[in-house]
Amino acid sequence: MTDSTVVDTEAAAEELAAPLDLLLTDSALGITRRMLPNRSWLRLGAGLAGAPHFLLGRSRSLAVELADIARGTSTRAPARADKRFTDPAWSGNPLLRRILQAYLAAAETADKLLADADLDWRDRERLQFALDNIVEAASPSNNPLLNPLGYKAVIDTGGSSVVRGLSNLVRDLATTPRVPAMVDPDAFVVGGSVAATPGSVIFQNQVMEVIQYTPRTPTVRTTPVLIVPPVINKFYIVDISPGRSMVEHFLDQGQQVFTISWRNPKARHRTWGFDTYGQAILDAMDAVDRITGAKQTHLFATCSGGMLAAMTAAHLTDIGQADRLASVTLGVTVLDQSRAGFPAAALDPTTAQAAVRVSAARGYLDGRSLAEVFAWLRPTDLIWRYWVNNYIQGRTPPPFDVLFWNADTTRMAATLHKEMVQMGLSNALTVPGAVSMLGTPVDLTKITVDTYVIAGVADHISPWQACYRSARLLGNDNIRFVLSTSGHIAALVNPPGNPRASYRVASPDTENPDEWLETADNKPDSWWSDYITWLAERSGPDKTAPAMLGTPDLPPLMPAPGSYVRER
């Protein structure tokens, strides 16, 4: 891959969505319904009708600019960061330049009209999603008759790019999710080029496997780390390619590391819900305790895994066993869904009930449907970039480990889907006792264990402000809130040494996240180093690393990454 390809691919990966479980309605019912006329569109029309001067003013300005474009006197140009129009033909060819300028002018006008309507946040988020997709789809760069890259590919390949492009299109339309492939399905090997850190499965039940990783240092810290991954993606986002693996880095710093690998549920597992997964976390903690002899465990959880871990921590607190937790870490996790971007705005009772009925009939929500929804959340990076690459240019997408992981989806059991949607509708985690875990009411204010919270400044799935409000729900005064550069995934897959990386850190003491942003310390590089230092302070003394994995009563069952991660 060229350097520019790597940068573009990493930019797309930053916008990937590990599961945000409050968008599960569209995953069950299909994303196209969000593009169709609805009451939000009616309120947009009413808002503009109530302020006709905005509509007339925008129309007049657009007409004037289109006239300038036709005369060739317009100076409008795409933003420097807009990679769609970097080919010189877009500026050098008079016809293409005019088409591009007209498109940019119309797109800006549409965006301003949406702002002029002065809608409430929910309507605005819903319409912004639809508008973004309509505008991006209309881009002249997506038109095979206009994009100069297509003509150059035809010349360079003697026409074979057309054949390959059509073949790629037929292949992608034949299988879900019906979006352009972002990575070749054979680009990486689970257990070989990803999920490659040595270890063993030391516990298995019908819900999950627990992997213990082989120490990489002569001594290890006493208190172990148990990673709780999301429930609708494979666990190995924390053990991606060597050199970029969080697990590998933690091991290099002397931590004892375990991770849960969730099973890919089938229809017969439809009854798995909050209690099933909460009990699985407790079972994993039991296994870790028996193997390490430690009395406490660090829980490191991300996204929907963070929701479950927080609820489990509340349960342990309620039954008087909070001392089993050395700390809780929540990565890109939203517990407070109020104004949490488009995913929160997309929820409404009618569509939620319909979505729950669909998954109940199947027994599960298919992760491939969720992947399709998330792709349409960032159409430029996750749809149209690959439309041009795969179909217009007839190329194979470049290999990238995070994109491979994102395509390796799993299902969500129907009961868990239902409970997640219902919890999102009522924003139940913000109300003590509104939802339960293992028979006890969940009260996040009772969680007083030391907590480390990570958010991504460019995260459109778990907005950092929502993560900040979520951290403030916890009852602990010792919370370290870290705001990393990048989006949902790149904020986590963030190994040290990246000169473009930085993070802000401080306790979430102020109610307003923007005020926190102004006063938080800004530090270079990755938050990983800060976290390891924070973790080490809470992990007890060093001891000799175990010579073997497991124990006589919990012997290794198979090499990492185990069997559940390979299930389709």
Protein backbone atom coordinates (compact mmCIF):
# COMPACT_ATOMS: atom_id res chain seq x y z
CA MET A 1 0.00 0.00 0.00
CA THR A 2 1.13 3.54 -0.65
CA ASP A 3 1.40 6.02 2.23
CA SER A 4 -1.67 7.89 0.98
CA THR A 5 -3.65 4.66 0.85
CA VAL A 6 -2.68 3.87 4.43
CA VAL A 7 -3.82 7.32 5.58
CA ASP A 8 -7.14 7.03 3.73
CA THR A 9 -7.76 3.55 5.08
CA GLU A 10 -6.96 4.58 8.64
CA ALA A 11 -9.31 7.54 8.26
CA ALA A 12 -12.10 5.16 7.26
CA ALA A 13 -11.28 2.87 10.17
CA GLU A 14 -11.58 5.78 12.59
CA GLU A 15 -15.25 6.05 11.65
CA LEU A 16 -16.04 2.38 12.08
CA ALA A 17 -18.66 1.39 14.53
CA ALA A 18 -18.26 -1.26 17.00
CA PRO A 19 -21.78 -1.87 18.16
CA LEU A 20 -23.77 0.95 19.66
CA ASP A 21 -26.74 -1.02 20.74
CA LEU A 22 -29.23 1.80 20.53
CA LEU A 23 -29.17 1.74 16.76
CA LEU A 24 -30.51 -1.80 16.75
CA THR A 25 -33.89 -0.73 15.44
CA ASP A 26 -32.56 0.23 12.02
CA SER A 27 -30.44 -2.91 11.93
CA ALA A 28 -33.54 -5.04 12.25
CA LEU A 29 -35.82 -3.03 9.96
CA GLY A 30 -33.39 -1.76 7.32
CA ILE A 31 -31.65 1.56 6.90
CA THR A 32 -33.55 2.76 3.81
CA ARG A 33 -36.58 3.65 5.94
CA ARG A 34 -34.54 6.52 7.40
CA MET A 35 -34.30 8.09 3.93
CA LEU A 36 -38.06 8.07 3.28
CA PRO A 37 -40.39 11.00 4.02
CA ASN A 38 -41.59 11.07 7.63
CA ARG A 39 -42.78 13.55 10.25
CA SER A 40 -39.31 15.03 10.62
CA TRP A 41 -39.46 16.04 6.96
CA LEU A 42 -42.86 17.60 7.52
CA ARG A 43 -41.52 19.63 10.42
CA LEU A 44 -38.61 20.72 8.24
CA GLY A 45 -41.05 21.98 5.64
CA ALA A 46 -43.12 23.74 8.26
CA GLY A 47 -40.02 25.35 9.75
CA LEU A 48 -38.90 26.73 6.40
CA ALA A 49 -42.43 27.85 5.52
CA GLY A 50 -42.53 29.76 8.78
CA ALA A 51 -39.35 31.63 7.82
CA PRO A 52 -39.72 32.22 4.05
CA HIS A 53 -36.94 34.82 4.03
CA PHE A 54 -34.42 32.03 4.67
CA LEU A 55 -35.72 29.96 1.76
CA LEU A 56 -35.84 32.94 -0.60
CA GLY A 57 -32.42 34.17 0.47
CA ARG A 58 -30.76 30.78 0.05
CA SER A 59 -32.45 30.23 -3.33
CA ARG A 60 -31.36 33.66 -4.56
CA SER A 61 -27.76 33.09 -3.43
CA LEU A 62 -27.65 29.68 -5.10
CA ALA A 63 -29.02 31.07 -8.36
CA VAL A 64 -26.39 33.82 -8.38
CA GLU A 65 -23.60 31.34 -7.77
CA LEU A 66 -24.84 28.93 -10.42
CA ALA A 67 -24.74 31.80 -12.89
CA ASP A 68 -21.13 32.52 -11.87
CA ILE A 69 -20.31 28.85 -12.30
CA ALA A 70 -21.81 28.80 -15.79
CA ARG A 71 -19.72 31.86 -16.74
CA GLY A 72 -16.59 30.27 -15.30
CA THR A 73 -16.02 33.02 -12.73
CA SER A 74 -16.82 31.04 -9.56
CA THR A 75 -13.90 30.41 -7.20
CA ARG A 76 -15.63 27.63 -5.25
CA ALA A 77 -13.37 24.63 -4.64
CA PRO A 78 -13.58 21.49 -2.49
CA ALA A 79 -12.06 21.53 0.99
CA ARG A 80 -8.42 20.53 1.16
CA ALA A 81 -9.36 17.49 3.23
CA ASP A 82 -11.91 16.30 0.63
CA LYS A 83 -10.19 13.35 -1.05
CA ARG A 84 -12.97 12.78 -3.60
CA PHE A 85 -11.79 15.47 -5.99
CA THR A 86 -8.00 15.33 -5.81
CA ASP A 87 -7.57 14.23 -9.43
CA PRO A 88 -6.36 17.24 -11.52
CA ALA A 89 -9.19 16.71 -14.03
CA TRP A 90 -11.72 18.08 -11.53
CA SER A 91 -10.02 21.49 -11.66
CA GLY A 92 -8.47 21.38 -15.12
CA ASN A 93 -11.41 20.18 -17.20
CA PRO A 94 -13.90 23.06 -17.66
CA LEU A 95 -16.97 20.80 -17.74
CA LEU A 96 -15.97 18.72 -14.71
CA ARG A 97 -15.02 21.87 -12.78
CA ARG A 98 -18.46 23.39 -13.37
CA ILE A 99 -20.25 20.17 -12.40
CA LEU A 100 -18.18 19.95 -9.22
CA GLN A 101 -18.80 23.57 -8.27
CA ALA A 102 -22.55 23.27 -8.85
CA TYR A 103 -22.63 20.18 -6.65
CA LEU A 104 -20.71 21.87 -3.83
CA ALA A 105 -22.92 24.96 -3.99
CA ALA A 106 -26.13 22.90 -3.85
CA ALA A 107 -24.81 20.76 -0.99
CA GLU A 108 -23.90 23.82 1.08
CA THR A 109 -27.31 25.37 0.44
CA ALA A 110 -29.12 22.22 1.58
CA ASP A 111 -27.05 22.10 4.77
CA LYS A 112 -27.77 25.74 5.56
CA LEU A 113 -31.50 25.29 4.98
CA LEU A 114 -31.54 22.47 7.53
CA ALA A 115 -29.93 24.81 10.06
CA ASP A 116 -32.36 27.61 9.14
CA ALA A 117 -35.37 25.45 10.03
CA ASP A 118 -34.41 25.59 13.74
CA LEU A 119 -35.57 22.05 14.53
CA ASP A 120 -35.21 20.27 17.84
CA TRP A 121 -32.13 18.09 18.28
CA ARG A 122 -33.90 14.81 17.47
CA ASP A 123 -35.37 15.99 14.15
CA ARG A 124 -32.09 17.69 13.28
CA GLU A 125 -30.06 14.50 13.85
CA ARG A 126 -32.51 12.38 11.84
CA LEU A 127 -32.61 14.79 8.92
CA GLN A 128 -28.86 15.39 8.97
CA PHE A 129 -28.38 11.64 8.56
CA ALA A 130 -30.73 11.49 5.57
CA LEU A 131 -29.33 14.68 4.04
CA ASP A 132 -25.73 13.53 4.40
CA ASN A 133 -26.51 10.30 2.58
CA ILE A 134 -28.47 12.02 -0.20
CA VAL A 135 -25.76 14.62 -0.75
CA GLU A 136 -22.95 12.08 -0.69
CA ALA A 137 -24.79 9.80 -3.12
CA ALA A 138 -25.24 12.72 -5.53
CA SER A 139 -21.52 13.48 -5.66
CA PRO A 140 -20.20 13.53 -9.26
CA SER A 141 -17.24 11.45 -8.07
CA ASN A 142 -19.65 8.51 -7.67
CA ASN A 143 -20.79 8.73 -11.30
CA PRO A 144 -18.84 6.30 -13.50
CA LEU A 145 -19.51 8.54 -16.52
CA LEU A 146 -17.90 11.55 -14.80
CA ASN A 147 -15.17 10.31 -12.49
CA PRO A 148 -11.81 10.62 -14.30
CA LEU A 149 -10.37 7.81 -12.19
CA GLY A 150 -12.64 5.37 -14.02
CA TYR A 151 -11.42 6.45 -17.46
CA LYS A 152 -7.80 6.25 -16.35
CA ALA A 153 -8.38 2.76 -14.95
CA VAL A 154 -9.88 1.66 -18.30
CA ILE A 155 -6.81 2.96 -20.15
CA ASP A 156 -4.33 1.49 -17.66
CA THR A 157 -5.94 -1.97 -17.66
CA GLY A 158 -7.05 -2.19 -21.28
CA GLY A 159 -10.70 -2.29 -20.19
CA SER A 160 -10.38 -5.12 -17.66
CA SER A 161 -11.20 -2.69 -14.84
CA VAL A 162 -14.79 -2.54 -16.13
CA VAL A 163 -15.12 -6.32 -15.96
CA ARG A 164 -13.63 -6.47 -12.47
CA GLY A 165 -15.82 -3.59 -11.31
CA LEU A 166 -19.00 -5.28 -12.49
CA SER A 167 -17.86 -8.55 -10.91
CA ASN A 168 -17.24 -6.78 -7.59
CA LEU A 169 -20.68 -5.14 -7.76
CA VAL A 170 -22.48 -8.44 -8.40
CA ARG A 171 -20.56 -10.11 -5.55
CA ASP A 172 -21.39 -7.39 -3.03
CA LEU A 173 -25.07 -7.23 -3.98
CA ALA A 174 -25.39 -11.00 -3.59
CA THR A 175 -24.60 -11.06 0.13
CA THR A 176 -25.35 -8.95 3.20
CA PRO A 177 -24.41 -6.33 4.13
CA ARG A 178 -25.15 -4.97 0.65
CA VAL A 179 -22.46 -2.29 0.70
CA PRO A 180 -19.10 -2.19 -1.09
CA ALA A 181 -16.58 -4.54 0.49
CA MET A 182 -14.06 -2.61 2.58
CA VAL A 183 -11.54 -5.45 2.74
CA ASP A 184 -10.91 -8.78 1.05
CA PRO A 185 -12.34 -11.56 3.28
CA ASP A 186 -9.07 -13.47 2.91
CA ALA A 187 -6.81 -10.51 3.69
CA PHE A 188 -6.11 -11.68 7.26
CA VAL A 189 -6.16 -14.95 9.20
CA VAL A 190 -7.68 -15.10 12.69
CA GLY A 191 -5.05 -16.67 14.89
CA GLY A 192 -2.36 -15.88 12.34
CA SER A 193 -2.14 -12.26 11.24
CA VAL A 194 -4.77 -10.99 13.72
CA ALA A 195 -5.67 -12.34 17.19
CA ALA A 196 -2.15 -13.75 17.16
CA THR A 197 -0.91 -13.12 20.71
CA PRO A 198 0.00 -16.50 22.30
CA GLY A 199 -2.26 -17.81 25.03
CA SER A 200 -4.79 -20.49 25.87
CA VAL A 201 -8.50 -20.87 26.50
CA ILE A 202 -8.70 -21.77 30.19
CA PHE A 203 -12.47 -21.69 30.63
CA GLN A 204 -15.42 -22.32 28.35
CA ASN A 205 -19.18 -22.42 28.82
CA GLN A 206 -22.06 -22.09 26.37
CA VAL A 207 -21.85 -18.27 26.36
CA MET A 208 -18.14 -17.46 26.22
CA GLU A 209 -14.53 -18.57 26.39
CA VAL A 210 -11.91 -17.00 28.66
CA ILE A 211 -8.44 -16.62 27.17
CA GLN A 212 -5.33 -16.30 29.34
CA TYR A 213 -2.35 -14.78 27.52
CA THR A 214 1.21 -15.97 27.93
CA PRO A 215 3.27 -13.49 29.98
CA ARG A 216 5.99 -11.63 28.08
CA THR A 217 7.96 -10.39 31.10
CA PRO A 218 9.86 -12.27 33.86
CA THR A 219 7.59 -10.74 36.50
CA VAL A 220 3.94 -9.74 36.39
CA ARG A 221 1.71 -7.56 38.50
CA THR A 222 -0.43 -9.29 41.06
CA THR A 223 -3.83 -7.97 40.02
CA PRO A 224 -5.00 -9.24 36.59
CA VAL A 225 -6.93 -7.46 33.84
CA LEU A 226 -10.09 -9.01 32.38
CA ILE A 227 -11.23 -7.53 29.06
CA VAL A 228 -14.97 -7.49 28.33
CA PRO A 229 -15.47 -6.91 24.57
CA PRO A 230 -18.62 -5.76 22.74
CA VAL A 231 -21.30 -8.39 22.23
CA ILE A 232 -21.77 -8.06 18.48
CA ASN A 233 -18.17 -7.99 17.25
CA LYS A 234 -15.33 -10.45 17.77
CA PHE A 235 -13.08 -9.77 20.73
CA TYR A 236 -9.86 -9.32 18.77
CA ILE A 237 -10.17 -5.58 18.26
CA VAL A 238 -8.05 -5.56 21.45
CA ASP A 239 -5.67 -8.09 19.87
CA ILE A 240 -5.42 -6.79 16.33
CA SER A 241 -2.20 -7.13 14.27
CA PRO A 242 1.08 -7.56 16.17
CA GLY A 243 2.55 -4.19 16.99
CA ARG A 244 -0.95 -2.66 17.22
CA SER A 245 -2.40 -5.07 19.77
CA MET A 246 -3.57 -3.65 23.09
CA VAL A 247 -3.24 -7.10 24.68
CA GLU A 248 0.34 -7.37 23.46
CA HIS A 249 1.19 -3.92 24.84
CA PHE A 250 -0.35 -4.64 28.24
CA LEU A 251 1.64 -7.87 28.46
CA ASP A 252 4.85 -6.05 27.57
CA GLN A 253 4.21 -3.76 30.54
CA GLY A 254 3.94 -6.68 32.96
CA GLN A 255 0.17 -7.01 33.26
CA GLN A 256 -1.59 -10.35 33.52
CA VAL A 257 -4.20 -10.23 30.75
CA PHE A 258 -7.35 -12.26 30.19
CA THR A 259 -10.15 -11.62 27.73
CA ILE A 260 -13.65 -12.90 27.15
CA SER A 261 -14.47 -14.23 23.69
CA TRP A 262 -18.26 -14.24 23.27
CA ARG A 263 -19.99 -17.05 21.44
CA ASN A 264 -21.80 -16.20 18.22
CA PRO A 265 -25.42 -16.91 19.25
CA LYS A 266 -27.84 -18.85 17.09
CA ALA A 267 -31.63 -18.96 17.13
CA ARG A 268 -31.63 -21.53 19.95
CA HIS A 269 -29.89 -18.96 22.18
CA ARG A 270 -32.70 -16.43 21.80
CA THR A 271 -33.28 -16.18 25.58
CA TRP A 272 -29.81 -14.85 26.37
CA GLY A 273 -30.20 -11.43 27.95
CA PHE A 274 -28.64 -9.07 30.48
CA ASP A 275 -28.53 -11.71 33.19
CA THR A 276 -26.89 -14.26 30.88
CA TYR A 277 -24.07 -11.91 30.01
CA GLY A 278 -23.74 -10.50 33.52
CA GLN A 279 -23.38 -14.01 34.91
CA ALA A 280 -20.82 -14.77 32.19
CA ILE A 281 -18.70 -11.82 33.36
CA LEU A 282 -18.90 -13.13 36.94
CA ASP A 283 -17.96 -16.64 35.76
CA ALA A 284 -14.97 -15.19 33.92
CA MET A 285 -13.92 -13.27 37.04
CA ASP A 286 -14.18 -16.50 39.05
CA ALA A 287 -11.90 -18.29 36.57
CA VAL A 288 -9.38 -15.44 36.64
CA ASP A 289 -9.39 -15.40 40.45
CA ARG A 290 -8.79 -19.17 40.63
CA ILE A 291 -5.90 -19.03 38.19
CA THR A 292 -4.10 -15.97 39.54
CA GLY A 293 -4.97 -16.28 43.21
CA ALA A 294 -5.79 -12.58 43.19
CA LYS A 295 -8.62 -11.28 45.30
CA GLN A 296 -9.42 -8.49 42.87
CA THR A 297 -9.73 -8.02 39.09
CA HIS A 298 -9.49 -5.00 36.82
CA LEU A 299 -12.45 -4.91 34.41
CA PHE A 300 -11.61 -3.31 31.05
CA ALA A 301 -14.76 -3.07 28.91
CA THR A 302 -15.65 -1.36 25.64
CA CYS A 303 -18.87 -0.12 24.04
CA SER A 304 -21.78 -2.50 24.71
CA GLY A 305 -19.40 -4.61 26.81
CA GLY A 306 -18.95 -1.48 28.91
CA MET A 307 -22.70 -1.24 29.47
CA LEU A 308 -22.78 -4.84 30.70
CA ALA A 309 -19.66 -4.40 32.84
CA ALA A 310 -21.07 -1.27 34.49
CA MET A 311 -24.32 -3.08 35.26
CA THR A 312 -22.37 -6.05 36.65
CA ALA A 313 -20.26 -3.72 38.82
CA ALA A 314 -23.47 -2.21 40.16
CA HIS A 315 -24.74 -5.71 40.96
CA LEU A 316 -21.55 -6.63 42.81
CA THR A 317 -21.80 -3.40 44.79
CA ASP A 318 -25.42 -4.09 45.69
CA ILE A 319 -24.64 -7.57 47.04
CA GLY A 320 -21.63 -6.36 49.03
CA GLN A 321 -18.91 -7.74 46.75
CA ALA A 322 -17.54 -4.51 45.28
CA ASP A 323 -14.14 -5.42 46.75
CA ARG A 324 -13.77 -8.02 43.96
CA LEU A 325 -13.13 -5.12 41.61
CA ALA A 326 -9.73 -3.41 41.58
CA SER A 327 -10.97 -0.90 38.99
CA VAL A 328 -13.40 -0.47 36.12
CA THR A 329 -12.36 0.90 32.71
CA LEU A 330 -14.99 1.96 30.18
CA GLY A 331 -13.90 2.54 26.60
CA VAL A 332 -16.19 4.50 24.19
CA THR A 333 -19.15 3.51 26.37
CA VAL A 334 -22.40 5.50 26.57
CA LEU A 335 -24.51 4.94 29.66
CA ASP A 336 -26.45 8.21 29.42
CA GLN A 337 -28.28 8.21 26.08
CA SER A 338 -29.71 11.74 26.30
CA ARG A 339 -28.78 13.59 23.12
CA ALA A 340 -26.23 10.93 22.23
CA GLY A 341 -26.16 11.83 18.54
CA PHE A 342 -28.08 10.17 15.70
CA PRO A 343 -28.30 6.70 17.32
CA ALA A 344 -30.28 8.15 20.23
CA ALA A 345 -32.35 10.32 17.91
CA ALA A 346 -33.18 7.29 15.74
CA LEU A 347 -35.02 5.55 18.55
CA ASP A 348 -38.76 5.85 18.90
CA PRO A 349 -41.24 3.43 20.48
CA THR A 350 -43.01 2.37 17.28
CA THR A 351 -39.90 1.41 15.33
CA ALA A 352 -38.34 -0.10 18.44
CA GLN A 353 -41.28 -2.45 18.92
CA ALA A 354 -41.22 -3.44 15.25
CA ALA A 355 -37.48 -4.13 15.43
CA VAL A 356 -37.86 -6.26 18.53
CA ARG A 357 -40.59 -8.32 16.81
CA VAL A 358 -38.28 -8.98 13.85
CA SER A 359 -35.40 -10.21 15.99
CA ALA A 360 -37.78 -12.24 18.19
CA ALA A 361 -39.04 -14.09 15.11
CA ARG A 362 -35.51 -14.90 13.98
CA GLY A 363 -34.10 -15.52 17.43
CA TYR A 364 -31.30 -13.01 16.89
CA LEU A 365 -30.21 -9.76 15.27
CA ASP A 366 -27.76 -10.38 12.44
CA GLY A 367 -24.55 -8.43 12.90
CA ARG A 368 -24.21 -7.98 9.15
CA SER A 369 -27.35 -5.84 9.17
CA LEU A 370 -25.85 -3.71 11.91
CA ALA A 371 -22.64 -3.34 9.88
CA GLU A 372 -24.72 -1.99 7.00
CA VAL A 373 -26.35 0.63 9.22
CA PHE A 374 -23.01 1.81 10.57
CA ALA A 375 -21.54 2.04 7.08
CA TRP A 376 -24.31 4.46 6.08
CA LEU A 377 -23.51 6.62 9.11
CA ARG A 378 -20.29 7.67 7.34
CA PRO A 379 -21.16 7.32 3.64
CA THR A 380 -18.11 9.15 2.27
CA ASP A 381 -15.59 6.99 4.09
CA LEU A 382 -17.41 3.68 4.36
CA ILE A 383 -19.59 3.54 1.24
CA TRP A 384 -18.60 5.82 -1.61
CA ARG A 385 -14.84 5.57 -1.20
CA TYR A 386 -15.15 1.84 -1.84
CA TRP A 387 -17.79 2.36 -4.52
CA VAL A 388 -15.16 4.26 -6.52
CA ASN A 389 -12.34 1.88 -5.67
CA ASN A 390 -14.19 -1.41 -6.16
CA TYR A 391 -16.62 -0.63 -9.00
CA ILE A 392 -15.45 2.43 -10.94
CA GLN A 393 -11.75 1.57 -10.76
CA GLY A 394 -12.28 -2.19 -10.55
CA ARG A 395 -9.73 -2.57 -7.76
CA THR A 396 -9.50 -4.80 -4.70
CA PRO A 397 -9.71 -2.80 -1.47
CA PRO A 398 -6.37 -2.53 0.36
CA PRO A 399 -5.88 -4.84 3.37
CA PHE A 400 -6.43 -3.24 6.75
CA ASP A 401 -6.83 -5.17 9.99
CA VAL A 402 -9.54 -3.03 11.61
CA LEU A 403 -11.70 -3.17 8.49
CA PHE A 404 -11.27 -6.96 8.43
CA TRP A 405 -12.39 -7.12 12.07
CA ASN A 406 -15.36 -4.88 11.36
CA ALA A 407 -16.55 -7.25 8.63
CA ASP A 408 -16.21 -10.25 10.94
CA THR A 409 -19.57 -9.68 12.61
CA THR A 410 -21.57 -11.76 15.06
CA ARG A 411 -25.24 -12.01 15.94
CA MET A 412 -27.06 -10.67 19.01
CA ALA A 413 -29.52 -12.88 20.87
CA ALA A 414 -33.13 -11.69 20.58
CA THR A 415 -33.65 -11.15 24.30
CA LEU A 416 -30.49 -9.08 24.66
CA HIS A 417 -31.55 -7.06 21.61
CA LYS A 418 -34.94 -6.40 23.19
CA GLU A 419 -33.46 -5.42 26.55
CA MET A 420 -30.88 -3.12 24.97
CA VAL A 421 -33.51 -1.33 22.88
CA GLN A 422 -35.89 -0.94 25.81
CA MET A 423 -33.10 0.37 28.03
CA GLY A 424 -32.19 2.90 25.37
CA LEU A 425 -35.75 4.08 24.91
CA SER A 426 -36.15 4.89 28.60
CA ASN A 427 -32.48 5.88 29.18
CA ALA A 428 -32.83 3.52 32.12
CA LEU A 429 -29.23 3.56 33.33
CA THR A 430 -29.64 7.19 34.38
CA VAL A 431 -32.46 6.25 36.78
CA PRO A 432 -31.47 4.18 39.83
CA GLY A 433 -33.41 0.92 39.86
CA ALA A 434 -35.00 1.34 36.44
CA VAL A 435 -33.24 -1.76 35.12
CA SER A 436 -31.92 -4.82 36.91
CA MET A 437 -28.96 -7.16 36.66
CA LEU A 438 -29.09 -10.66 38.15
CA GLY A 439 -32.04 -9.74 40.33
CA THR A 440 -30.62 -6.55 41.79
CA PRO A 441 -31.57 -2.98 40.79
CA VAL A 442 -28.84 -1.16 38.86
CA ASP A 443 -27.77 2.03 40.60
CA LEU A 444 -24.64 3.43 38.97
CA THR A 445 -24.26 6.03 41.71
CA LYS A 446 -23.26 3.23 44.10
CA ILE A 447 -20.20 2.27 42.02
CA THR A 448 -17.28 3.77 43.96
CA VAL A 449 -14.38 1.72 42.59
CA ASP A 450 -11.63 3.68 40.79
CA THR A 451 -12.65 4.22 37.17
CA TYR A 452 -10.86 5.11 33.94
CA VAL A 453 -13.06 6.33 31.05
CA ILE A 454 -11.88 6.69 27.44
CA ALA A 455 -13.69 8.61 24.69
CA GLY A 456 -12.81 9.64 21.13
CA VAL A 457 -13.12 13.28 20.10
CA ALA A 458 -14.29 12.33 16.59
CA ASP A 459 -16.52 9.44 17.68
CA HIS A 460 -19.91 9.63 15.92
CA ILE A 461 -21.17 6.40 17.49
CA SER A 462 -20.44 7.15 21.14
CA PRO A 463 -20.10 10.96 21.20
CA TRP A 464 -17.47 12.00 23.70
CA GLN A 465 -19.86 14.39 25.44
CA ALA A 466 -22.22 11.44 26.06
CA CYS A 467 -19.29 9.38 27.41
CA TYR A 468 -18.43 12.31 29.67
CA ARG A 469 -21.99 12.54 31.02
CA SER A 470 -21.93 8.76 31.50
CA ALA A 471 -18.78 8.97 33.63
CA ARG A 472 -20.52 11.48 35.88
CA LEU A 473 -23.30 8.97 36.57
CA LEU A 474 -20.89 6.89 38.65
CA GLY A 475 -20.65 7.53 42.38
CA ASN A 476 -16.87 7.47 42.50
CA ASP A 477 -14.87 10.66 43.11
CA ASN A 478 -11.73 9.04 41.65
CA ILE A 479 -12.57 8.98 37.93
CA ARG A 480 -9.98 9.68 35.25
CA PHE A 481 -11.57 10.85 32.01
CA VAL A 482 -9.44 10.65 28.87
CA LEU A 483 -10.40 12.21 25.54
CA SER A 484 -8.34 10.69 22.75
CA THR A 485 -7.89 11.89 19.22
CA SER A 486 -9.67 9.96 16.44
CA GLY A 487 -12.98 8.16 16.24
CA HIS A 488 -14.72 5.15 17.71
CA ILE A 489 -12.11 2.51 16.95
CA ALA A 490 -8.88 4.44 16.37
CA ALA A 491 -9.34 6.05 19.79
CA LEU A 492 -8.86 2.54 21.23
CA VAL A 493 -6.46 0.96 18.72
CA ASN A 494 -3.92 3.63 19.50
CA PRO A 495 -0.40 2.25 20.07
CA PRO A 496 2.29 4.66 21.26
CA GLY A 497 4.52 6.33 18.70
CA ASN A 498 1.90 8.00 16.51
CA PRO A 499 3.01 11.65 16.11
CA ARG A 500 -0.56 12.69 15.26
CA ALA A 501 -2.03 11.22 18.44
CA SER A 502 -2.74 13.13 21.63
CA TYR A 503 -5.21 13.05 24.49
CA ARG A 504 -6.72 15.28 27.14
CA VAL A 505 -7.08 14.05 30.69
CA ALA A 506 -8.70 15.26 33.91
CA SER A 507 -11.39 14.29 36.38
CA PRO A 508 -14.93 14.95 35.06
CA ASP A 509 -15.63 17.46 37.80
CA THR A 510 -17.55 20.07 35.81
CA GLU A 511 -21.07 19.48 34.57
CA ASN A 512 -20.41 21.00 31.15
CA PRO A 513 -18.08 18.85 28.99
CA ASP A 514 -16.99 21.87 26.98
CA GLU A 515 -15.76 23.54 30.15
CA TRP A 516 -13.85 20.37 31.00
CA LEU A 517 -12.26 20.47 27.53
CA GLU A 518 -10.91 23.97 28.12
CA THR A 519 -9.13 23.05 31.35
CA ALA A 520 -8.04 19.41 30.83
CA ASP A 521 -4.34 18.68 30.38
CA ASN A 522 -3.34 18.08 26.75
CA LYS A 523 -0.68 15.40 26.36
CA PRO A 524 1.08 14.02 23.26
CA ASP A 525 1.03 10.44 21.97
CA SER A 526 -1.29 7.63 23.05
CA TRP A 527 -3.28 7.31 26.27
CA TRP A 528 -2.04 3.70 26.53
CA SER A 529 1.06 4.79 28.48
CA ASP A 530 -1.03 6.89 30.86
CA TYR A 531 -3.37 3.97 31.41
CA ILE A 532 -0.57 1.50 32.14
CA THR A 533 0.80 3.85 34.80
CA TRP A 534 -2.67 4.30 36.30
CA LEU A 535 -3.25 0.54 36.21
CA ALA A 536 0.12 -0.31 37.75
CA GLU A 537 -0.64 1.90 40.75
CA ARG A 538 -3.66 -0.33 41.44
CA SER A 539 -2.20 -3.74 40.58
CA GLY A 540 -0.18 -4.62 43.68
CA PRO A 541 3.42 -5.81 43.85
CA ASP A 542 5.20 -7.72 41.12
CA LYS A 543 5.57 -11.47 41.32
CA THR A 544 7.26 -14.14 39.23
CA ALA A 545 5.40 -14.78 36.00
CA PRO A 546 3.62 -18.16 35.91
CA ALA A 547 5.56 -20.82 34.05
CA MET A 548 2.35 -22.41 32.73
CA LEU A 549 -1.13 -21.18 31.90
CA GLY A 550 -4.20 -22.28 33.75
CA THR A 551 -4.24 -24.43 36.88
CA PRO A 552 -4.69 -28.16 37.51
CA ASP A 553 -8.44 -27.63 37.95
CA LEU A 554 -8.64 -25.18 35.02
CA PRO A 555 -6.17 -26.56 32.50
CA PRO A 556 -5.68 -25.03 29.04
CA LEU A 557 -8.39 -26.31 26.69
CA MET A 558 -6.99 -25.09 23.37
CA PRO A 559 -4.61 -22.43 22.05
CA ALA A 560 -5.74 -18.83 21.71
CA PRO A 561 -7.78 -17.38 20.10
CA GLY A 562 -10.06 -20.35 20.80
CA SER A 563 -13.01 -21.79 18.91
CA TYR A 564 -15.84 -19.29 19.45
CA VAL A 565 -14.03 -16.53 17.57
CA ARG A 566 -14.04 -18.74 14.46
CA GLU A 567 -17.78 -19.42 14.48
CA ARG A 568 -19.77 -17.84 11.65
